[in-house]
Amino acid sequence: MSLAVDPASAEPPFHQLKGQIVEGVKRGALTPGTRLPAVRKLAEEVGVSTATAAKVYRELEESGVLEGRGRSGTFVSAADLPGSVLARAAEEFAERAAGSGFGAEEAVAAVRNAFGNLG
């Protein structure tokens, strides 16, 4: 699978790259155990900073999509991708909503509204 960043896109390169990796895993183009390029190589290939590439990998490791194996590299995780990504996103949203003083009812209503605005 080839990753690319469109500099003309309104979407930041970080989001483009992260989204492409998640989509690649969801669609089976990146299967569990697939080794991804080193951070420097990825940054060079797609034209982003090493900090951006490292942040993409770090966030995807935290959400369970990828796993870092030290010097061996970064690999697609064998974890339940849809479940782990959704659970992590829900945890982050719940923390932010609660930290802003909102309760569960308001948070659920906001999510329903956001889904209603998608299409």
C-alpha atoms as a PDB file:
ATOM      1  CA  MET A   1       0.000   0.000   0.000  1.00  0.00           C
ATOM      2  CA  SER A   2       1.281   3.417  -0.949  1.00  0.00           C
ATOM      3  CA  LEU A   3       0.813   6.340   1.439  1.00  0.00           C
ATOM      4  CA  ALA A   4       0.708   9.900   0.121  1.00  0.00           C
ATOM      5  CA  VAL A   5      -0.049  13.376   1.406  1.00  0.00           C
ATOM      6  CA  ASP A   6      -1.860  15.905  -0.781  1.00  0.00           C
ATOM      7  CA  PRO A   7      -0.359  19.332  -0.008  1.00  0.00           C
ATOM      8  CA  ALA A   8      -3.346  21.038  -1.670  1.00  0.00           C
ATOM      9  CA  SER A   9      -5.823  19.344   0.662  1.00  0.00           C
ATOM     10  CA  ALA A  10      -7.546  21.337   3.389  1.00  0.00           C
ATOM     11  CA  GLU A  11      -7.008  18.341   5.683  1.00  0.00           C
ATOM     12  CA  PRO A  12      -3.706  18.542   7.615  1.00  0.00           C
ATOM     13  CA  PRO A  13      -1.006  16.050   6.545  1.00  0.00           C
ATOM     14  CA  PHE A  14      -1.145  14.386   9.979  1.00  0.00           C
ATOM     15  CA  HIS A  15      -4.839  13.550   9.553  1.00  0.00           C
ATOM     16  CA  GLN A  16      -4.366  12.432   5.953  1.00  0.00           C
ATOM     17  CA  LEU A  17      -1.607  10.012   6.876  1.00  0.00           C
ATOM     18  CA  LYS A  18      -3.317   8.679   9.978  1.00  0.00           C
ATOM     19  CA  GLY A  19      -6.576   8.180   8.066  1.00  0.00           C
ATOM     20  CA  GLN A  20      -4.847   6.345   5.221  1.00  0.00           C
ATOM     21  CA  ILE A  21      -3.197   3.889   7.606  1.00  0.00           C
ATOM     22  CA  VAL A  22      -6.450   3.206   9.455  1.00  0.00           C
ATOM     23  CA  GLU A  23      -8.319   2.743   6.153  1.00  0.00           C
ATOM     24  CA  GLY A  24      -5.580   0.444   4.881  1.00  0.00           C
ATOM     25  CA  VAL A  25      -5.960  -1.733   7.955  1.00  0.00           C
ATOM     26  CA  LYS A  26      -9.772  -1.709   7.790  1.00  0.00           C
ATOM     27  CA  ARG A  27      -9.786  -2.697   4.110  1.00  0.00           C
ATOM     28  CA  GLY A  28      -7.147  -5.376   4.530  1.00  0.00           C
ATOM     29  CA  ALA A  29      -4.438  -3.648   2.497  1.00  0.00           C
ATOM     30  CA  LEU A  30      -2.372  -3.553   5.696  1.00  0.00           C
ATOM     31  CA  THR A  31      -2.760  -6.878   7.471  1.00  0.00           C
ATOM     32  CA  PRO A  32      -1.737  -7.791  11.038  1.00  0.00           C
ATOM     33  CA  GLY A  33       2.004  -8.223  11.223  1.00  0.00           C
ATOM     34  CA  THR A  34       2.750  -5.940   8.262  1.00  0.00           C
ATOM     35  CA  ARG A  35       5.878  -3.913   8.974  1.00  0.00           C
ATOM     36  CA  LEU A  36       5.591  -0.196   8.266  1.00  0.00           C
ATOM     37  CA  PRO A  37       8.492   2.007   7.173  1.00  0.00           C
ATOM     38  CA  ALA A  38      10.700   3.584   9.822  1.00  0.00           C
ATOM     39  CA  VAL A  39       9.582   7.052  10.923  1.00  0.00           C
ATOM     40  CA  ARG A  40      12.342   8.821   8.971  1.00  0.00           C
ATOM     41  CA  LYS A  41      11.694   6.824   5.832  1.00  0.00           C
ATOM     42  CA  LEU A  42       7.924   7.422   6.017  1.00  0.00           C
ATOM     43  CA  ALA A  43       8.466  11.146   6.554  1.00  0.00           C
ATOM     44  CA  GLU A  44      10.793  11.296   3.568  1.00  0.00           C
ATOM     45  CA  GLU A  45       8.492   9.250   1.307  1.00  0.00           C
ATOM     46  CA  VAL A  46       5.357  11.314   1.950  1.00  0.00           C
ATOM     47  CA  GLY A  47       6.978  14.705   2.495  1.00  0.00           C
ATOM     48  CA  VAL A  48       6.174  15.383   6.150  1.00  0.00           C
ATOM     49  CA  SER A  49       8.404  16.116   9.125  1.00  0.00           C
ATOM     50  CA  THR A  50       9.734  13.238  11.206  1.00  0.00           C
ATOM     51  CA  ALA A  51       7.800  14.714  14.144  1.00  0.00           C
ATOM     52  CA  THR A  52       4.540  14.385  12.179  1.00  0.00           C
ATOM     53  CA  ALA A  53       5.295  10.797  11.145  1.00  0.00           C
ATOM     54  CA  ALA A  54       6.283   9.896  14.716  1.00  0.00           C
ATOM     55  CA  LYS A  55       3.065  11.444  16.070  1.00  0.00           C
ATOM     56  CA  VAL A  56       0.970   9.413  13.604  1.00  0.00           C
ATOM     57  CA  TYR A  57       2.651   6.180  14.691  1.00  0.00           C
ATOM     58  CA  ARG A  58       2.431   7.098  18.392  1.00  0.00           C
ATOM     59  CA  GLU A  59      -1.300   7.862  18.240  1.00  0.00           C
ATOM     60  CA  LEU A  60      -2.021   4.707  16.236  1.00  0.00           C
ATOM     61  CA  GLU A  61      -0.017   2.671  18.748  1.00  0.00           C
ATOM     62  CA  GLU A  62      -2.027   4.205  21.604  1.00  0.00           C
ATOM     63  CA  SER A  63      -5.284   3.307  19.869  1.00  0.00           C
ATOM     64  CA  GLY A  64      -4.141  -0.260  19.189  1.00  0.00           C
ATOM     65  CA  VAL A  65      -3.904  -0.031  15.398  1.00  0.00           C
ATOM     66  CA  LEU A  66      -0.114  -0.320  15.381  1.00  0.00           C
ATOM     67  CA  GLU A  67       2.429  -1.804  17.733  1.00  0.00           C
ATOM     68  CA  GLY A  68       5.980  -0.625  18.166  1.00  0.00           C
ATOM     69  CA  ARG A  69       8.547  -3.377  18.665  1.00  0.00           C
ATOM     70  CA  GLY A  70      11.548  -1.241  19.525  1.00  0.00           C
ATOM     71  CA  ARG A  71      14.404  -1.639  17.053  1.00  0.00           C
ATOM     72  CA  SER A  72      12.412  -4.238  15.111  1.00  0.00           C
ATOM     73  CA  GLY A  73      10.065  -1.533  13.847  1.00  0.00           C
ATOM     74  CA  THR A  74       6.383  -0.641  13.790  1.00  0.00           C
ATOM     75  CA  PHE A  75       3.825  -3.248  12.776  1.00  0.00           C
ATOM     76  CA  VAL A  76       0.099  -3.482  12.175  1.00  0.00           C
ATOM     77  CA  SER A  77      -1.400  -4.838  15.354  1.00  0.00           C
ATOM     78  CA  ALA A  78      -3.364  -8.059  15.509  1.00  0.00           C
ATOM     79  CA  ALA A  79      -5.842  -6.387  17.860  1.00  0.00           C
ATOM     80  CA  ASP A  80      -9.520  -5.951  17.052  1.00  0.00           C
ATOM     81  CA  LEU A  81      -9.088  -2.757  15.044  1.00  0.00           C
ATOM     82  CA  PRO A  82     -12.656  -1.507  14.810  1.00  0.00           C
ATOM     83  CA  GLY A  83     -13.286  -2.215  18.476  1.00  0.00           C
ATOM     84  CA  SER A  84     -10.031  -0.734  19.742  1.00  0.00           C
ATOM     85  CA  VAL A  85     -10.189   2.396  17.591  1.00  0.00           C
ATOM     86  CA  LEU A  86     -13.790   3.078  18.553  1.00  0.00           C
ATOM     87  CA  ALA A  87     -13.156   2.388  22.242  1.00  0.00           C
ATOM     88  CA  ARG A  88     -10.157   4.726  22.309  1.00  0.00           C
ATOM     89  CA  ALA A  89     -12.050   7.481  20.499  1.00  0.00           C
ATOM     90  CA  ALA A  90     -14.959   7.095  22.926  1.00  0.00           C
ATOM     91  CA  GLU A  91     -12.621   7.277  25.928  1.00  0.00           C
ATOM     92  CA  GLU A  92     -10.973  10.432  24.614  1.00  0.00           C
ATOM     93  CA  PHE A  93     -14.319  12.049  23.872  1.00  0.00           C
ATOM     94  CA  ALA A  94     -15.746  11.097  27.274  1.00  0.00           C
ATOM     95  CA  GLU A  95     -12.699  12.553  29.041  1.00  0.00           C
ATOM     96  CA  ARG A  96     -12.950  15.809  27.095  1.00  0.00           C
ATOM     97  CA  ALA A  97     -16.714  16.101  27.573  1.00  0.00           C
ATOM     98  CA  ALA A  98     -16.511  15.384  31.322  1.00  0.00           C
ATOM     99  CA  GLY A  99     -13.550  17.750  31.658  1.00  0.00           C
ATOM    100  CA  SER A 100     -15.666  20.478  30.077  1.00  0.00           C
ATOM    101  CA  GLY A 101     -18.487  19.876  32.529  1.00  0.00           C
ATOM    102  CA  PHE A 102     -20.855  17.874  30.305  1.00  0.00           C
ATOM    103  CA  GLY A 103     -22.702  14.759  31.415  1.00  0.00           C
ATOM    104  CA  ALA A 104     -23.304  11.504  29.583  1.00  0.00           C
ATOM    105  CA  GLU A 105     -26.718  12.587  28.232  1.00  0.00           C
ATOM    106  CA  GLU A 106     -25.290  15.748  26.680  1.00  0.00           C
ATOM    107  CA  ALA A 107     -22.304  13.857  25.265  1.00  0.00           C
ATOM    108  CA  VAL A 108     -24.495  11.185  23.655  1.00  0.00           C
ATOM    109  CA  ALA A 109     -26.719  13.891  22.164  1.00  0.00           C
ATOM    110  CA  ALA A 110     -23.648  15.624  20.738  1.00  0.00           C
ATOM    111  CA  VAL A 111     -22.442  12.370  19.136  1.00  0.00           C
ATOM    112  CA  ARG A 112     -25.871  11.719  17.612  1.00  0.00           C
ATOM    113  CA  ASN A 113     -25.928  15.259  16.265  1.00  0.00           C
ATOM    114  CA  ALA A 114     -22.438  14.835  14.794  1.00  0.00           C
ATOM    115  CA  PHE A 115     -23.468  11.616  13.061  1.00  0.00           C
ATOM    116  CA  GLY A 116     -26.569  13.372  11.737  1.00  0.00           C
ATOM    117  CA  ASN A 117     -24.348  16.043  10.192  1.00  0.00           C
ATOM    118  CA  LEU A 118     -22.167  13.527   8.338  1.00  0.00           C
ATOM    119  CA  GLY A 119     -24.249  12.913   5.380  1.00  0.00           C
END
